Each structure stands twice: as structure tokens, then as C-alpha cells.
Amino acid sequence: ASTAISAGTNSWDAGAHVHVEASSAAFIQVGEVADDMVWIKHTGKRFDSSTTDKLKADGTADATAVSVYTGAATAELELCQLLKGEAIVLPLVKAKLWIKSTATTGTAPAVEYAQFQ
């Protein structure tokens, strides 16, 4: 049976999800070798680090595509792109998973993800 892994690892804090920003500044790791499953969703909304839920308070939409990459140590291969509202589930992960977009920090989409082990 799979269970969600610890709060510090997959951005869940006491049962409440905290969004991450998929910007052009850096690759964000969202999956690990040996995860039973990883779920990644482009929220279609703008990330905002100043709010509790990390979503822009005025509901600003964000249509910038989010790329999902895989690689042992770095993002070596682009697997797919997620458009606003799209999600992907990857079973039995064999390499690290990363996200990134072309948007600059502060104007990038918010992403939800969960790792299961």
C-alpha cells in the first residue's frame, strides 16, 4: 500500500497543500527514484509567495506551459508539457522528476504535486 511521504519532501503541510512555483529560474524537484507514484498538476493560476496558499489572491490565471523533466542528477530529458488545468500521474518512478517553465520568478504558474511511496 502506498502512502504520501513526509511534509518536508512533497510540499504538504499538516494535510494542506502548499503550491510550488514553476519558473525559469531553477528546476524544482517533484519526484524521486522509487516513488510508487507521482501526481503533478498545473493549477492554471499564478504563484504568489506572499499568500498562505501560494496562489495569487486576485485569482490571476496563468497559461504558461509547465515542462516536466526526468534525470538522475539534473533535468536531462523533457517528458512532457502541462497546459493550465492539466495533470499527469507517473507510476513506479525510475529517476528524479523536475518541473520548470519559461516564466520569470514572480510571474510563473503554481503547481501542485504529490509523491507516494
N, C-alpha and C. Protein backbone atom coordinates (compact mmCIF):
# COMPACT_ATOMS: atom_id res chain seq x y z
N ALA A 1 0.84 -1.19 0.00
CA ALA A 1 0.00 0.00 0.00
C ALA A 1 0.88 1.25 0.00
N SER A 2 0.47 2.23 -0.75
CA SER A 2 1.23 3.48 -0.83
C SER A 2 0.66 4.53 0.11
N THR A 3 1.53 5.35 0.62
CA THR A 3 1.11 6.48 1.44
C THR A 3 1.90 7.70 1.02
N ALA A 4 1.31 8.87 1.21
CA ALA A 4 2.03 10.11 0.88
C ALA A 4 3.22 10.23 1.81
N ILE A 5 4.33 10.70 1.29
CA ILE A 5 5.53 10.80 2.11
C ILE A 5 5.54 12.11 2.88
N SER A 6 6.57 12.34 3.67
CA SER A 6 6.59 13.41 4.67
C SER A 6 6.38 14.81 4.12
N ALA A 7 5.90 15.69 4.98
CA ALA A 7 5.55 17.06 4.62
C ALA A 7 6.71 17.82 3.99
N GLY A 8 7.89 17.67 4.52
CA GLY A 8 9.04 18.42 4.01
C GLY A 8 9.45 17.99 2.62
N THR A 9 9.06 16.80 2.22
CA THR A 9 9.51 16.29 0.94
C THR A 9 8.58 16.66 -0.20
N ASN A 10 7.27 16.64 0.01
CA ASN A 10 6.39 16.84 -1.13
C ASN A 10 5.44 18.02 -1.00
N SER A 11 5.79 18.98 -0.17
CA SER A 11 5.07 20.25 -0.05
C SER A 11 3.67 20.14 0.55
N TRP A 12 3.43 19.12 1.34
CA TRP A 12 2.18 19.05 2.09
C TRP A 12 2.51 19.42 3.52
N ASP A 13 1.72 20.30 4.11
CA ASP A 13 1.97 20.77 5.46
C ASP A 13 0.73 20.54 6.30
N ALA A 14 0.79 19.58 7.20
CA ALA A 14 -0.34 19.24 8.07
C ALA A 14 -1.61 18.98 7.27
N GLY A 15 -1.46 18.29 6.15
CA GLY A 15 -2.63 17.93 5.33
C GLY A 15 -3.06 18.99 4.34
N ALA A 16 -2.45 20.16 4.35
CA ALA A 16 -2.81 21.23 3.42
C ALA A 16 -1.71 21.41 2.40
N HIS A 17 -2.06 21.41 1.13
CA HIS A 17 -1.03 21.53 0.09
C HIS A 17 -0.48 22.93 -0.01
N VAL A 18 0.80 23.03 -0.23
CA VAL A 18 1.47 24.30 -0.49
C VAL A 18 1.97 24.24 -1.93
N HIS A 19 1.58 25.19 -2.75
CA HIS A 19 1.97 25.19 -4.16
C HIS A 19 3.45 25.56 -4.33
N VAL A 20 4.04 25.10 -5.43
CA VAL A 20 5.40 25.48 -5.79
C VAL A 20 5.36 26.27 -7.09
N GLU A 21 6.37 27.09 -7.29
CA GLU A 21 6.43 27.92 -8.49
C GLU A 21 7.29 27.27 -9.56
N ALA A 22 6.72 27.11 -10.74
CA ALA A 22 7.46 26.57 -11.89
C ALA A 22 7.94 27.74 -12.73
N SER A 23 9.12 28.25 -12.41
CA SER A 23 9.65 29.40 -13.15
C SER A 23 10.85 28.99 -13.98
N SER A 24 11.43 29.96 -14.65
CA SER A 24 12.63 29.70 -15.45
C SER A 24 13.90 29.78 -14.61
N ALA A 25 13.77 30.20 -13.35
CA ALA A 25 14.94 30.44 -12.51
C ALA A 25 15.66 29.15 -12.10
N ALA A 26 14.91 28.09 -11.85
CA ALA A 26 15.54 26.85 -11.37
C ALA A 26 14.59 25.68 -11.58
N PHE A 27 15.17 24.50 -11.74
CA PHE A 27 14.36 23.29 -11.78
C PHE A 27 13.90 22.97 -10.36
N ILE A 28 12.63 22.60 -10.20
CA ILE A 28 12.08 22.21 -8.91
C ILE A 28 11.86 20.71 -8.94
N GLN A 29 12.45 19.99 -7.98
CA GLN A 29 12.29 18.54 -7.94
C GLN A 29 10.92 18.18 -7.36
N VAL A 30 10.19 17.33 -8.07
CA VAL A 30 8.85 16.92 -7.63
C VAL A 30 8.69 15.40 -7.55
N GLY A 31 9.75 14.66 -7.85
CA GLY A 31 9.68 13.21 -7.78
C GLY A 31 11.05 12.63 -7.51
N GLU A 32 11.06 11.42 -6.95
CA GLU A 32 12.29 10.77 -6.54
C GLU A 32 12.31 9.32 -7.02
N VAL A 33 13.50 8.79 -7.22
CA VAL A 33 13.67 7.38 -7.59
C VAL A 33 12.95 6.52 -6.54
N ALA A 34 12.21 5.55 -7.00
CA ALA A 34 11.49 4.58 -6.16
C ALA A 34 10.16 5.10 -5.61
N ASP A 35 9.71 6.30 -6.01
CA ASP A 35 8.34 6.69 -5.64
C ASP A 35 7.39 5.71 -6.32
N ASP A 36 6.37 5.26 -5.60
CA ASP A 36 5.38 4.37 -6.21
C ASP A 36 4.58 5.11 -7.28
N MET A 37 4.35 6.40 -7.02
CA MET A 37 3.57 7.21 -7.95
C MET A 37 3.83 8.68 -7.66
N VAL A 38 3.80 9.50 -8.71
CA VAL A 38 3.91 10.96 -8.56
C VAL A 38 2.77 11.59 -9.36
N TRP A 39 2.09 12.54 -8.74
CA TRP A 39 0.99 13.28 -9.37
C TRP A 39 1.44 14.73 -9.47
N ILE A 40 1.33 15.32 -10.67
CA ILE A 40 1.74 16.72 -10.91
C ILE A 40 0.60 17.42 -11.62
N LYS A 41 0.20 18.60 -11.12
CA LYS A 41 -0.90 19.35 -11.75
C LYS A 41 -0.54 20.83 -11.93
N HIS A 42 -0.75 21.33 -13.14
CA HIS A 42 -0.63 22.76 -13.46
C HIS A 42 -1.96 23.37 -13.01
N THR A 43 -1.93 24.23 -12.01
CA THR A 43 -3.18 24.77 -11.46
C THR A 43 -3.90 25.73 -12.40
N GLY A 44 -3.15 26.31 -13.34
CA GLY A 44 -3.74 27.32 -14.21
C GLY A 44 -3.80 28.68 -13.54
N LYS A 45 -3.15 28.77 -12.36
CA LYS A 45 -3.15 30.03 -11.60
C LYS A 45 -1.72 30.49 -11.36
N ARG A 46 -1.58 31.78 -11.09
CA ARG A 46 -0.28 32.40 -10.84
C ARG A 46 0.17 32.10 -9.42
N PHE A 47 1.44 31.79 -9.25
CA PHE A 47 2.05 31.56 -7.94
C PHE A 47 2.28 32.91 -7.26
N ASP A 48 2.13 32.95 -5.93
CA ASP A 48 2.38 34.16 -5.15
C ASP A 48 2.93 33.75 -3.79
N SER A 49 4.19 33.99 -3.55
CA SER A 49 4.83 33.56 -2.31
C SER A 49 4.34 34.31 -1.08
N SER A 50 3.62 35.41 -1.25
CA SER A 50 3.17 36.20 -0.10
C SER A 50 1.85 35.74 0.49
N THR A 51 1.17 34.80 -0.15
CA THR A 51 -0.11 34.33 0.38
C THR A 51 0.05 32.96 1.04
N THR A 52 -0.87 32.61 1.92
CA THR A 52 -0.80 31.36 2.65
C THR A 52 -0.82 30.15 1.73
N ASP A 53 -1.72 30.16 0.74
CA ASP A 53 -1.83 29.00 -0.17
C ASP A 53 -0.91 29.11 -1.38
N LYS A 54 -0.16 30.21 -1.47
CA LYS A 54 0.80 30.47 -2.55
C LYS A 54 0.15 30.69 -3.91
N LEU A 55 -1.14 31.06 -3.92
CA LEU A 55 -1.84 31.41 -5.15
C LEU A 55 -2.12 32.90 -5.14
N LYS A 56 -2.03 33.54 -6.29
CA LYS A 56 -2.31 34.97 -6.41
C LYS A 56 -3.71 35.26 -5.85
N ALA A 57 -3.80 36.17 -4.91
CA ALA A 57 -5.05 36.45 -4.20
C ALA A 57 -6.19 36.88 -5.11
N ASP A 58 -5.87 37.56 -6.21
CA ASP A 58 -6.93 38.03 -7.11
C ASP A 58 -7.34 36.96 -8.13
N GLY A 59 -6.77 35.75 -8.00
CA GLY A 59 -7.15 34.65 -8.90
C GLY A 59 -6.53 34.73 -10.28
N THR A 60 -5.45 35.50 -10.43
CA THR A 60 -4.80 35.65 -11.73
C THR A 60 -4.53 34.30 -12.37
N ALA A 61 -5.00 34.14 -13.60
CA ALA A 61 -4.76 32.90 -14.34
C ALA A 61 -3.35 32.91 -14.91
N ASP A 62 -2.82 31.72 -15.17
CA ASP A 62 -1.50 31.61 -15.79
C ASP A 62 -1.53 30.47 -16.79
N ALA A 63 -1.37 30.79 -18.06
CA ALA A 63 -1.44 29.80 -19.13
C ALA A 63 -0.06 29.34 -19.60
N THR A 64 1.02 29.79 -18.94
CA THR A 64 2.36 29.37 -19.33
C THR A 64 2.50 27.86 -19.14
N ALA A 65 2.95 27.16 -20.16
CA ALA A 65 3.13 25.70 -20.06
C ALA A 65 4.20 25.37 -19.03
N VAL A 66 3.99 24.27 -18.32
CA VAL A 66 4.96 23.75 -17.35
C VAL A 66 5.56 22.49 -17.94
N SER A 67 6.88 22.47 -18.05
CA SER A 67 7.57 21.29 -18.57
C SER A 67 7.93 20.35 -17.44
N VAL A 68 7.77 19.05 -17.68
CA VAL A 68 8.15 18.01 -16.73
C VAL A 68 9.38 17.30 -17.30
N TYR A 69 10.42 17.21 -16.50
CA TYR A 69 11.69 16.62 -16.92
C TYR A 69 12.04 15.43 -16.03
N THR A 70 12.93 14.59 -16.53
CA THR A 70 13.47 13.50 -15.73
C THR A 70 14.98 13.46 -15.89
N GLY A 71 15.64 12.91 -14.91
CA GLY A 71 17.10 12.77 -14.97
C GLY A 71 17.64 12.32 -13.64
N ALA A 72 18.78 11.66 -13.66
CA ALA A 72 19.36 11.13 -12.43
C ALA A 72 19.82 12.22 -11.48
N ALA A 73 20.56 13.18 -11.99
CA ALA A 73 21.10 14.24 -11.14
C ALA A 73 20.56 15.61 -11.51
N THR A 74 20.22 15.80 -12.78
CA THR A 74 19.65 17.05 -13.25
C THR A 74 18.53 16.74 -14.22
N ALA A 75 17.84 17.76 -14.65
CA ALA A 75 16.76 17.58 -15.62
C ALA A 75 17.37 17.33 -16.99
N GLU A 76 17.46 16.09 -17.38
CA GLU A 76 18.17 15.71 -18.60
C GLU A 76 17.26 15.51 -19.81
N LEU A 77 16.01 15.15 -19.57
CA LEU A 77 15.10 14.82 -20.67
C LEU A 77 13.72 15.40 -20.38
N GLU A 78 13.17 16.17 -21.32
CA GLU A 78 11.81 16.69 -21.15
C GLU A 78 10.81 15.59 -21.50
N LEU A 79 9.98 15.23 -20.53
CA LEU A 79 8.97 14.18 -20.73
C LEU A 79 7.72 14.71 -21.41
N CYS A 80 7.25 15.88 -20.94
CA CYS A 80 6.01 16.43 -21.47
C CYS A 80 5.85 17.86 -21.01
N GLN A 81 4.80 18.51 -21.53
CA GLN A 81 4.40 19.83 -21.05
C GLN A 81 2.96 19.74 -20.57
N LEU A 82 2.69 20.43 -19.48
CA LEU A 82 1.33 20.52 -18.95
C LEU A 82 0.80 21.92 -19.20
N LEU A 83 -0.37 21.99 -19.80
CA LEU A 83 -1.05 23.27 -20.01
C LEU A 83 -1.94 23.52 -18.80
N LYS A 84 -2.48 24.74 -18.67
CA LYS A 84 -3.27 25.08 -17.48
C LYS A 84 -4.38 24.06 -17.26
N GLY A 85 -4.49 23.61 -16.01
CA GLY A 85 -5.51 22.65 -15.63
C GLY A 85 -5.17 21.20 -15.89
N GLU A 86 -4.10 20.94 -16.62
CA GLU A 86 -3.72 19.56 -16.93
C GLU A 86 -2.89 18.95 -15.80
N ALA A 87 -2.95 17.61 -15.72
CA ALA A 87 -2.18 16.89 -14.71
C ALA A 87 -1.65 15.60 -15.32
N ILE A 88 -0.68 15.02 -14.64
CA ILE A 88 -0.12 13.74 -15.07
C ILE A 88 0.15 12.91 -13.82
N VAL A 89 -0.04 11.60 -13.96
CA VAL A 89 0.29 10.64 -12.92
C VAL A 89 1.34 9.71 -13.50
N LEU A 90 2.46 9.58 -12.80
CA LEU A 90 3.55 8.72 -13.25
C LEU A 90 3.76 7.60 -12.22
N PRO A 91 3.56 6.35 -12.63
CA PRO A 91 3.74 5.23 -11.69
C PRO A 91 5.18 4.73 -11.67
N LEU A 92 5.58 4.16 -10.55
CA LEU A 92 6.87 3.49 -10.41
C LEU A 92 8.02 4.29 -11.02
N VAL A 93 8.26 5.44 -10.44
CA VAL A 93 9.25 6.39 -10.94
C VAL A 93 10.66 5.79 -10.86
N LYS A 94 11.42 5.90 -11.96
CA LYS A 94 12.75 5.31 -12.05
C LYS A 94 13.87 6.35 -12.03
N ALA A 95 13.54 7.64 -12.05
CA ALA A 95 14.53 8.71 -11.98
C ALA A 95 13.86 9.94 -11.36
N LYS A 96 14.66 10.89 -10.93
CA LYS A 96 14.11 12.12 -10.36
C LYS A 96 13.24 12.83 -11.37
N LEU A 97 12.23 13.55 -10.89
CA LEU A 97 11.34 14.34 -11.74
C LEU A 97 11.47 15.81 -11.35
N TRP A 98 11.43 16.67 -12.36
CA TRP A 98 11.64 18.10 -12.16
C TRP A 98 10.60 18.87 -12.96
N ILE A 99 10.30 20.11 -12.55
CA ILE A 99 9.44 20.99 -13.32
C ILE A 99 10.13 22.33 -13.55
N LYS A 100 9.70 23.01 -14.61
CA LYS A 100 10.22 24.34 -14.93
C LYS A 100 9.31 24.94 -15.99
N SER A 101 9.31 26.26 -16.13
CA SER A 101 8.57 26.93 -17.21
C SER A 101 9.45 28.05 -17.77
N THR A 102 8.92 28.75 -18.74
CA THR A 102 9.66 29.87 -19.34
C THR A 102 9.37 31.19 -18.64
N ALA A 103 8.46 31.20 -17.68
CA ALA A 103 8.08 32.43 -16.98
C ALA A 103 9.12 32.80 -15.92
N THR A 104 9.30 34.09 -15.70
CA THR A 104 10.25 34.54 -14.69
C THR A 104 9.65 34.41 -13.29
N THR A 105 10.51 34.35 -12.30
CA THR A 105 10.08 34.26 -10.90
C THR A 105 9.15 35.42 -10.59
N GLY A 106 8.04 35.12 -9.94
CA GLY A 106 7.06 36.15 -9.59
C GLY A 106 5.95 36.27 -10.62
N THR A 107 6.14 35.69 -11.80
CA THR A 107 5.10 35.72 -12.83
C THR A 107 4.89 34.31 -13.41
N ALA A 108 5.15 33.30 -12.60
CA ALA A 108 5.11 31.91 -13.09
C ALA A 108 3.91 31.15 -12.52
N PRO A 109 3.55 30.04 -13.16
CA PRO A 109 2.41 29.26 -12.71
C PRO A 109 2.67 28.49 -11.41
N ALA A 110 1.58 28.27 -10.68
CA ALA A 110 1.61 27.46 -9.47
C ALA A 110 1.35 26.00 -9.84
N VAL A 111 2.09 25.11 -9.20
CA VAL A 111 1.97 23.68 -9.47
C VAL A 111 1.71 22.94 -8.17
N GLU A 112 0.81 21.96 -8.22
CA GLU A 112 0.58 21.04 -7.10
C GLU A 112 1.25 19.73 -7.46
N TYR A 113 1.79 19.04 -6.46
CA TYR A 113 2.30 17.70 -6.73
C TYR A 113 2.25 16.87 -5.46
N ALA A 114 2.25 15.56 -5.64
CA ALA A 114 2.27 14.64 -4.51
C ALA A 114 3.10 13.42 -4.90
N GLN A 115 3.91 12.99 -3.96
CA GLN A 115 4.72 11.78 -4.14
C GLN A 115 4.14 10.71 -3.23
N PHE A 116 4.09 9.49 -3.72
CA PHE A 116 3.59 8.37 -2.93
C PHE A 116 4.65 7.28 -2.88
N GLN A 117 4.83 6.71 -1.69
CA GLN A 117 5.78 5.61 -1.53
C GLN A 117 5.09 4.46 -0.85
